[in-house]
């Protein structure tokens, strides 16, 4: 009887750990929504700025690419953390 209880406890503990990994990975993936919003805000600001001053298009484009890269890097870090939690 004791052996059966230990096996069931191990299965339950394993199931709880797997559940925790899946919930943690899902919560870590929420950071991707912020990256998507950040990219949209960067390019919306770029379009507005070029509309107001077309002569600075080249300089503004460089800054927009920098903002895009930084926003996307945060999203990739969130995705990496999600995968690390899920598959470790």
PDB file of N, CA and C in Angstrom:
ATOM      1  N   UNK A   1       0.819  -1.196   0.000  1.00  0.00           N
ATOM      2  CA  UNK A   1       0.000   0.000   0.000  1.00  0.00           C
ATOM      3  C   UNK A   1       0.863   1.259   0.000  1.00  0.00           C
ATOM      4  N   UNK A   2       1.948   1.266   0.786  1.00  0.00           N
ATOM      5  CA  UNK A   2       2.817   2.433   0.858  1.00  0.00           C
ATOM      6  C   UNK A   2       3.486   2.705  -0.485  1.00  0.00           C
ATOM      7  N   UNK A   3       3.827   1.650  -1.211  1.00  0.00           N
ATOM      8  CA  UNK A   3       4.483   1.798  -2.500  1.00  0.00           C
ATOM      9  C   UNK A   3       3.558   2.477  -3.500  1.00  0.00           C
ATOM     10  N   UNK A   4       2.292   2.135  -3.474  1.00  0.00           N
ATOM     11  CA  UNK A   4       1.311   2.735  -4.388  1.00  0.00           C
ATOM     12  C   UNK A   4       1.148   4.221  -4.084  1.00  0.00           C
ATOM     13  N   UNK A   5       1.097   4.581  -2.843  1.00  0.00           N
ATOM     14  CA  UNK A   5       0.937   5.978  -2.456  1.00  0.00           C
ATOM     15  C   UNK A   5       2.137   6.798  -2.904  1.00  0.00           C
ATOM     16  N   UNK A   6       3.353   6.261  -2.783  1.00  0.00           N
ATOM     17  CA  UNK A   6       4.550   6.990  -3.205  1.00  0.00           C
ATOM     18  C   UNK A   6       4.552   7.222  -4.707  1.00  0.00           C
ATOM     19  N   UNK A   7       4.129   6.226  -5.485  1.00  0.00           N
ATOM     20  CA  UNK A   7       4.071   6.373  -6.940  1.00  0.00           C
ATOM     21  C   UNK A   7       3.053   7.447  -7.316  1.00  0.00           C
ATOM     22  N   UNK A   8       1.895   7.440  -6.673  1.00  0.00           N
ATOM     23  CA  UNK A   8       0.873   8.449  -6.963  1.00  0.00           C
ATOM     24  C   UNK A   8       1.349   9.845  -6.570  1.00  0.00           C
ATOM     25  N   UNK A   9       2.077   9.959  -5.463  1.00  0.00           N
ATOM     26  CA  UNK A   9       2.600  11.258  -5.047  1.00  0.00           C
ATOM     27  C   UNK A   9       3.635  11.762  -6.040  1.00  0.00           C
ATOM     28  N   UNK A  10       4.475  10.878  -6.555  1.00  0.00           N
ATOM     29  CA  UNK A  10       5.463  11.282  -7.552  1.00  0.00           C
ATOM     30  C   UNK A  10       4.796  11.749  -8.840  1.00  0.00           C
ATOM     31  N   UNK A  11       3.753  11.040  -9.251  1.00  0.00           N
ATOM     32  CA  UNK A  11       3.029  11.436 -10.463  1.00  0.00           C
ATOM     33  C   UNK A  11       2.359  12.789 -10.267  1.00  0.00           C
ATOM     34  N   UNK A  12       1.795  13.012  -9.102  1.00  0.00           N
ATOM     35  CA  UNK A  12       1.158  14.290  -8.817  1.00  0.00           C
ATOM     36  C   UNK A  12       2.188  15.418  -8.780  1.00  0.00           C
ATOM     37  N   UNK A  13       3.323  15.178  -8.157  1.00  0.00           N
ATOM     38  CA  UNK A  13       4.380  16.186  -8.090  1.00  0.00           C
ATOM     39  C   UNK A  13       4.891  16.510  -9.490  1.00  0.00           C
ATOM     40  N   UNK A  14       5.054  15.507 -10.316  1.00  0.00           N
ATOM     41  CA  UNK A  14       5.509  15.712 -11.697  1.00  0.00           C
ATOM     42  C   UNK A  14       4.486  16.525 -12.487  1.00  0.00           C
ATOM     43  N   UNK A  15       3.207  16.237 -12.289  1.00  0.00           N
ATOM     44  CA  UNK A  15       2.154  16.969 -12.986  1.00  0.00           C
ATOM     45  C   UNK A  15       2.121  18.431 -12.543  1.00  0.00           C
ATOM     46  N   UNK A  16       2.346  18.688 -11.259  1.00  0.00           N
ATOM     47  CA  UNK A  16       2.350  20.068 -10.761  1.00  0.00           C
ATOM     48  C   UNK A  16       3.532  20.843 -11.348  1.00  0.00           C
ATOM     49  N   UNK A  17       4.689  20.196 -11.446  1.00  0.00           N
ATOM     50  CA  UNK A  17       5.863  20.846 -12.031  1.00  0.00           C
ATOM     51  C   UNK A  17       5.607  21.187 -13.499  1.00  0.00           C
ATOM     52  N   UNK A  18       5.026  20.258 -14.242  1.00  0.00           N
ATOM     53  CA  UNK A  18       4.714  20.516 -15.654  1.00  0.00           C
ATOM     54  C   UNK A  18       3.705  21.647 -15.798  1.00  0.00           C
ATOM     55  N   UNK A  19       2.707  21.667 -14.933  1.00  0.00           N
ATOM     56  CA  UNK A  19       1.725  22.749 -14.957  1.00  0.00           C
ATOM     57  C   UNK A  19       2.397  24.090 -14.677  1.00  0.00           C
ATOM     58  N   UNK A  20       3.290  24.108 -13.704  1.00  0.00           N
ATOM     59  CA  UNK A  20       4.005  25.338 -13.381  1.00  0.00           C
ATOM     60  C   UNK A  20       4.854  25.825 -14.537  1.00  0.00           C
ATOM     61  N   UNK A  21       5.488  24.912 -15.264  1.00  0.00           N
ATOM     62  CA  UNK A  21       6.295  25.296 -16.425  1.00  0.00           C
ATOM     63  C   UNK A  21       5.428  25.920 -17.517  1.00  0.00           C
ATOM     64  N   UNK A  22       4.280  25.326 -17.756  1.00  0.00           N
ATOM     65  CA  UNK A  22       3.408  25.840 -18.815  1.00  0.00           C
ATOM     66  C   UNK A  22       2.828  27.198 -18.450  1.00  0.00           C
ATOM     67  N   UNK A  23       2.429  27.360 -17.209  1.00  0.00           N
ATOM     68  CA  UNK A  23       1.903  28.656 -16.766  1.00  0.00           C
ATOM     69  C   UNK A  23       3.010  29.708 -16.805  1.00  0.00           C
ATOM     70  N   UNK A  24       4.195  29.369 -16.337  1.00  0.00           N
ATOM     71  CA  UNK A  24       5.309  30.305 -16.355  1.00  0.00           C
ATOM     72  C   UNK A  24       5.703  30.712 -17.760  1.00  0.00           C
ATOM     73  N   UNK A  25       5.713  29.757 -18.680  1.00  0.00           N
ATOM     74  CA  UNK A  25       6.050  30.068 -20.071  1.00  0.00           C
ATOM     75  C   UNK A  25       4.995  30.988 -20.687  1.00  0.00           C
ATOM     76  N   UNK A  26       3.746  30.745 -20.372  1.00  0.00           N
ATOM     77  CA  UNK A  26       2.685  31.626 -20.883  1.00  0.00           C
ATOM     78  C   UNK A  26       2.788  33.026 -20.329  1.00  0.00           C
ATOM     79  N   UNK A  27       3.096  33.137 -19.047  1.00  0.00           N
ATOM     80  CA  UNK A  27       3.248  34.466 -18.451  1.00  0.00           C
ATOM     81  C   UNK A  27       4.470  35.190 -19.004  1.00  0.00           C
ATOM     82  N   UNK A  28       5.543  34.457 -19.275  1.00  0.00           N
ATOM     83  CA  UNK A  28       6.735  35.080 -19.842  1.00  0.00           C
ATOM     84  C   UNK A  28       6.482  35.551 -21.273  1.00  0.00           C
ATOM     85  N   UNK A  29       5.598  34.867 -21.985  1.00  0.00           N
ATOM     86  CA  UNK A  29       5.299  35.239 -23.367  1.00  0.00           C
ATOM     87  C   UNK A  29       4.450  36.503 -23.455  1.00  0.00           C
ATOM     88  N   UNK A  30       3.886  36.946 -22.348  1.00  0.00           N
ATOM     89  CA  UNK A  30       3.094  38.179 -22.358  1.00  0.00           C
ATOM     90  C   UNK A  30       3.965  39.375 -22.759  1.00  0.00           C
ATOM     91  N   UNK A  31       5.261  39.285 -22.492  1.00  0.00           N
ATOM     92  CA  UNK A  31       6.176  40.359 -22.868  1.00  0.00           C
ATOM     93  C   UNK A  31       6.214  40.623 -24.367  1.00  0.00           C
ATOM     94  N   UNK A  32       5.798  39.663 -25.166  1.00  0.00           N
ATOM     95  CA  UNK A  32       5.776  39.855 -26.616  1.00  0.00           C
ATOM     96  C   UNK A  32       4.737  40.891 -27.036  1.00  0.00           C
ATOM     97  N   UNK A  33       3.671  41.030 -26.270  1.00  0.00           N
ATOM     98  CA  UNK A  33       2.669  42.041 -26.620  1.00  0.00           C
ATOM     99  C   UNK A  33       3.246  43.437 -26.456  1.00  0.00           C
ATOM    100  N   UNK A  34       4.073  43.630 -25.436  1.00  0.00           N
ATOM    101  CA  UNK A  34       4.717  44.932 -25.245  1.00  0.00           C
ATOM    102  C   UNK A  34       5.662  45.257 -26.381  1.00  0.00           C
ATOM    103  N   UNK A  35       6.363  44.253 -26.893  1.00  0.00           N
ATOM    104  CA  UNK A  35       7.271  44.485 -28.014  1.00  0.00           C
ATOM    105  C   UNK A  35       6.495  44.877 -29.269  1.00  0.00           C
ATOM    106  N   UNK A  36       5.380  44.214 -29.488  1.00  0.00           N
ATOM    107  CA  UNK A  36       4.559  44.566 -30.651  1.00  0.00           C
ATOM    108  C   UNK A  36       3.998  45.965 -30.559  1.00  0.00           C
ATOM    109  N   UNK A  37       3.551  46.349 -29.381  1.00  0.00           N
ATOM    110  CA  UNK A  37       3.045  47.712 -29.183  1.00  0.00           C
ATOM    111  C   UNK A  37       4.172  48.724 -29.329  1.00  0.00           C
ATOM    112  N   UNK A  38       5.357  48.380 -28.833  1.00  0.00           N
ATOM    113  CA  UNK A  38       6.499  49.291 -28.939  1.00  0.00           C
ATOM    114  C   UNK A  38       6.890  49.552 -30.384  1.00  0.00           C
ATOM    115  N   UNK A  39       6.906  48.505 -31.192  1.00  0.00           N
ATOM    116  CA  UNK A  39       7.242  48.667 -32.608  1.00  0.00           C
ATOM    117  C   UNK A  39       6.208  49.539 -33.301  1.00  0.00           C
ATOM    118  N   UNK A  40       4.933  49.318 -32.991  1.00  0.00           N
ATOM    119  CA  UNK A  40       3.878  50.146 -33.591  1.00  0.00           C
ATOM    120  C   UNK A  40       4.001  51.605 -33.203  1.00  0.00           C
ATOM    121  N   UNK A  41       4.317  51.872 -31.950  1.00  0.00           N
ATOM    122  CA  UNK A  41       4.473  53.260 -31.490  1.00  0.00           C
ATOM    123  C   UNK A  41       5.672  53.920 -32.152  1.00  0.00           C
ATOM    124  N   UNK A  42       6.767  53.178 -32.296  1.00  0.00           N
ATOM    125  CA  UNK A  42       7.973  53.740 -32.925  1.00  0.00           C
ATOM    126  C   UNK A  42       7.673  54.161 -34.357  1.00  0.00           C
ATOM    127  N   UNK A  43       7.050  53.300 -35.133  1.00  0.00           N
ATOM    128  CA  UNK A  43       6.803  53.644 -36.530  1.00  0.00           C
ATOM    129  C   UNK A  43       5.676  54.667 -36.687  1.00  0.00           C
ATOM    130  N   UNK A  44       4.719  54.682 -35.782  1.00  0.00           N
ATOM    131  CA  UNK A  44       3.695  55.732 -35.833  1.00  0.00           C
ATOM    132  C   UNK A  44       4.324  57.092 -35.579  1.00  0.00           C
ATOM    133  N   UNK A  45       5.236  57.161 -34.606  1.00  0.00           N
ATOM    134  CA  UNK A  45       5.933  58.418 -34.330  1.00  0.00           C
ATOM    135  C   UNK A  45       6.812  58.811 -35.510  1.00  0.00           C
ATOM    136  N   UNK A  46       7.431  57.829 -36.158  1.00  0.00           N
ATOM    137  CA  UNK A  46       8.268  58.124 -37.329  1.00  0.00           C
ATOM    138  C   UNK A  46       7.437  58.724 -38.463  1.00  0.00           C
ATOM    139  N   UNK A  47       6.286  58.137 -38.723  1.00  0.00           N
ATOM    140  CA  UNK A  47       5.424  58.646 -39.802  1.00  0.00           C
ATOM    141  C   UNK A  47       4.948  60.058 -39.491  1.00  0.00           C
ATOM    142  N   UNK A  48       4.561  60.296 -38.237  1.00  0.00           N
ATOM    143  CA  UNK A  48       4.127  61.644 -37.855  1.00  0.00           C
ATOM    144  C   UNK A  48       5.268  62.656 -37.971  1.00  0.00           C
ATOM    145  N   UNK A  49       6.456  62.267 -37.545  1.00  0.00           N
ATOM    146  CA  UNK A  49       7.594  63.190 -37.593  1.00  0.00           C
ATOM    147  C   UNK A  49       7.991  63.503 -39.028  1.00  0.00           C
ATOM    148  N   UNK A  50       7.959  62.519 -39.911  1.00  0.00           N
ATOM    149  CA  UNK A  50       8.294  62.765 -41.320  1.00  0.00           C
ATOM    150  C   UNK A  50       7.221  63.630 -41.968  1.00  0.00           C
ATOM    151  N   UNK A  51       5.988  63.432 -41.559  1.00  0.00           N
ATOM    152  CA  UNK A  51       4.922  64.274 -42.096  1.00  0.00           C
ATOM    153  C   UNK A  51       5.079  65.733 -41.695  1.00  0.00           C
ATOM    154  N   UNK A  52       5.598  65.974 -40.503  1.00  0.00           N
ATOM    155  CA  UNK A  52       5.795  67.353 -40.043  1.00  0.00           C
ATOM    156  C   UNK A  52       7.061  67.987 -40.612  1.00  0.00           C
ATOM    157  N   UNK A  53       8.119  67.189 -40.808  1.00  0.00           N
ATOM    158  CA  UNK A  53       9.379  67.724 -41.303  1.00  0.00           C
ATOM    159  C   UNK A  53      10.038  66.705 -42.235  1.00  0.00           C
ATOM    160  N   UNK A  54       9.664  66.723 -43.506  1.00  0.00           N
ATOM    161  CA  UNK A  54      10.194  65.728 -44.456  1.00  0.00           C
ATOM    162  C   UNK A  54      11.703  65.853 -44.697  1.00  0.00           C
ATOM    163  N   UNK A  55      12.285  67.001 -44.407  1.00  0.00           N
ATOM    164  CA  UNK A  55      13.714  67.184 -44.658  1.00  0.00           C
ATOM    165  C   UNK A  55      14.584  66.326 -43.738  1.00  0.00           C
ATOM    166  N   UNK A  56      14.078  65.936 -42.590  1.00  0.00           N
ATOM    167  CA  UNK A  56      14.842  65.149 -41.633  1.00  0.00           C
ATOM    168  C   UNK A  56      14.569  63.651 -41.752  1.00  0.00           C
ATOM    169  N   UNK A  57      14.071  63.229 -42.896  1.00  0.00           N
ATOM    170  CA  UNK A  57      13.659  61.832 -43.054  1.00  0.00           C
ATOM    171  C   UNK A  57      14.801  60.852 -42.792  1.00  0.00           C
ATOM    172  N   UNK A  58      15.980  61.116 -43.313  1.00  0.00           N
ATOM    173  CA  UNK A  58      17.108  60.204 -43.140  1.00  0.00           C
ATOM    174  C   UNK A  58      17.514  60.047 -41.678  1.00  0.00           C
ATOM    175  N   UNK A  59      17.616  61.155 -40.969  1.00  0.00           N
ATOM    176  CA  UNK A  59      17.995  61.114 -39.553  1.00  0.00           C
ATOM    177  C   UNK A  59      16.906  60.440 -38.712  1.00  0.00           C
ATOM    178  N   UNK A  60      15.658  60.748 -39.027  1.00  0.00           N
ATOM    179  CA  UNK A  60      14.554  60.135 -38.287  1.00  0.00           C
ATOM    180  C   UNK A  60      14.466  58.637 -38.541  1.00  0.00           C
ATOM    181  N   UNK A  61      14.808  58.225 -39.769  1.00  0.00           N
ATOM    182  CA  UNK A  61      14.763  56.803 -40.088  1.00  0.00           C
ATOM    183  C   UNK A  61      15.793  56.028 -39.266  1.00  0.00           C
ATOM    184  N   UNK A  62      16.979  56.611 -39.100  1.00  0.00           N
ATOM    185  CA  UNK A  62      18.007  55.958 -38.273  1.00  0.00           C
ATOM    186  C   UNK A  62      17.518  55.781 -36.836  1.00  0.00           C
ATOM    187  N   UNK A  63      16.894  56.819 -36.296  1.00  0.00           N
ATOM    188  CA  UNK A  63      16.377  56.735 -34.936  1.00  0.00           C
ATOM    189  C   UNK A  63      15.226  55.736 -34.836  1.00  0.00           C
ATOM    190  N   UNK A  64      14.399  55.675 -35.880  1.00  0.00           N
ATOM    191  CA  UNK A  64      13.290  54.715 -35.882  1.00  0.00           C
ATOM    192  C   UNK A  64      13.821  53.280 -35.913  1.00  0.00           C
ATOM    193  N   UNK A  65      14.871  53.047 -36.682  1.00  0.00           N
ATOM    194  CA  UNK A  65      15.455  51.701 -36.715  1.00  0.00           C
ATOM    195  C   UNK A  65      16.078  51.323 -35.368  1.00  0.00           C
ATOM    196  N   UNK A  66      16.680  52.297 -34.694  1.00  0.00           N
ATOM    197  CA  UNK A  66      17.226  52.040 -33.368  1.00  0.00           C
ATOM    198  C   UNK A  66      16.100  51.689 -32.384  1.00  0.00           C
ATOM    199  N   UNK A  67      15.024  52.441 -32.421  1.00  0.00           N
ATOM    200  CA  UNK A  67      13.877  52.151 -31.560  1.00  0.00           C
ATOM    201  C   UNK A  67      13.259  50.801 -31.874  1.00  0.00           C
ATOM    202  N   UNK A  68      13.175  50.473 -33.168  1.00  0.00           N
ATOM    203  CA  UNK A  68      12.646  49.168 -33.565  1.00  0.00           C
ATOM    204  C   UNK A  68      13.518  48.045 -33.033  1.00  0.00           C
ATOM    205  N   UNK A  69      14.832  48.189 -33.175  1.00  0.00           N
ATOM    206  CA  UNK A  69      15.747  47.134 -32.735  1.00  0.00           C
ATOM    207  C   UNK A  69      15.674  46.936 -31.226  1.00  0.00           C
ATOM    208  N   UNK A  70      15.606  48.019 -30.474  1.00  0.00           N
ATOM    209  CA  UNK A  70      15.532  47.888 -29.023  1.00  0.00           C
ATOM    210  C   UNK A  70      14.207  47.263 -28.578  1.00  0.00           C
ATOM    211  N   UNK A  71      13.123  47.668 -29.214  1.00  0.00           N
ATOM    212  CA  UNK A  71      11.815  47.085 -28.881  1.00  0.00           C
ATOM    213  C   UNK A  71      11.773  45.599 -29.222  1.00  0.00           C
ATOM    214  N   UNK A  72      12.320  45.262 -30.358  1.00  0.00           N
ATOM    215  CA  UNK A  72      12.312  43.860 -30.781  1.00  0.00           C
ATOM    216  C   UNK A  72      13.228  43.014 -29.906  1.00  0.00           C
ATOM    217  N   UNK A  73      14.317  43.587 -29.435  1.00  0.00           N
ATOM    218  CA  UNK A  73      15.229  42.849 -28.557  1.00  0.00           C
ATOM    219  C   UNK A  73      14.533  42.464 -27.251  1.00  0.00           C
ATOM    220  N   UNK A  74      13.733  43.365 -26.724  1.00  0.00           N
ATOM    221  CA  UNK A  74      12.995  43.046 -25.495  1.00  0.00           C
ATOM    222  C   UNK A  74      12.007  41.907 -25.755  1.00  0.00           C
ATOM    223  N   UNK A  75      11.360  41.933 -26.896  1.00  0.00           N
ATOM    224  CA  UNK A  75      10.437  40.854 -27.247  1.00  0.00           C
ATOM    225  C   UNK A  75      11.145  39.524 -27.409  1.00  0.00           C
ATOM    226  N   UNK A  76      12.320  39.540 -28.032  1.00  0.00           N
ATOM    227  CA  UNK A  76      13.069  38.296 -28.202  1.00  0.00           C
ATOM    228  C   UNK A  76      13.563  37.756 -26.863  1.00  0.00           C
ATOM    229  N   UNK A  77      13.917  38.648 -25.951  1.00  0.00           N
ATOM    230  CA  UNK A  77      14.304  38.194 -24.611  1.00  0.00           C
ATOM    231  C   UNK A  77      13.128  37.538 -23.891  1.00  0.00           C
ATOM    232  N   UNK A  78      11.946  38.102 -24.039  1.00  0.00           N
ATOM    233  CA  UNK A  78      10.757  37.504 -23.428  1.00  0.00           C
ATOM    234  C   UNK A  78      10.473  36.134 -24.032  1.00  0.00           C
ATOM    235  N   UNK A  79      10.630  36.024 -25.340  1.00  0.00           N
ATOM    236  CA  UNK A  79      10.400  34.734 -26.006  1.00  0.00           C
ATOM    237  C   UNK A  79      11.436  33.709 -25.565  1.00  0.00           C
ATOM    238  N   UNK A  80      12.690  34.136 -25.443  1.00  0.00           N
ATOM    239  CA  UNK A  80      13.749  33.232 -25.003  1.00  0.00           C
ATOM    240  C   UNK A  80      13.478  32.734 -23.578  1.00  0.00           C
ATOM    241  N   UNK A  81      13.056  33.641 -22.703  1.00  0.00           N
ATOM    242  CA  UNK A  81      12.746  33.233 -21.335  1.00  0.00           C
ATOM    243  C   UNK A  81      11.577  32.252 -21.304  1.00  0.00           C
ATOM    244  N   UNK A  82      10.608  32.488 -22.149  1.00  0.00           N
ATOM    245  CA  UNK A  82       9.465  31.581 -22.220  1.00  0.00           C
ATOM    246  C   UNK A  82       9.906  30.180 -22.633  1.00  0.00           C
ATOM    247  N   UNK A  83      10.759  30.090 -23.644  1.00  0.00           N
ATOM    248  CA  UNK A  83      11.247  28.779 -24.077  1.00  0.00           C
ATOM    249  C   UNK A  83      12.133  28.123 -23.030  1.00  0.00           C
ATOM    250  N   UNK A  84      12.958  28.933 -22.346  1.00  0.00           N
ATOM    251  CA  UNK A  84      13.810  28.371 -21.305  1.00  0.00           C
ATOM    252  C   UNK A  84      12.969  27.778 -20.164  1.00  0.00           C
ATOM    253  N   UNK A  85      11.925  28.482 -19.790  1.00  0.00           N
ATOM    254  CA  UNK A  85      11.046  27.974 -18.729  1.00  0.00           C
ATOM    255  C   UNK A  85      10.332  26.713 -19.177  1.00  0.00           C
ATOM    256  N   UNK A  86       9.869  26.704 -20.409  1.00  0.00           N
ATOM    257  CA  UNK A  86       9.074  25.577 -20.899  1.00  0.00           C
ATOM    258  C   UNK A  86       9.913  24.313 -21.099  1.00  0.00           C
ATOM    259  N   UNK A  87      11.112  24.451 -21.636  1.00  0.00           N
ATOM    260  CA  UNK A  87      11.889  23.272 -22.016  1.00  0.00           C
ATOM    261  C   UNK A  87      13.053  22.952 -21.085  1.00  0.00           C
ATOM    262  N   UNK A  88      13.132  23.571 -19.931  1.00  0.00           N
ATOM    263  CA  UNK A  88      14.221  23.237 -19.007  1.00  0.00           C
ATOM    264  C   UNK A  88      13.731  22.321 -17.906  1.00  0.00           C
TER     265      UNK A  88
END
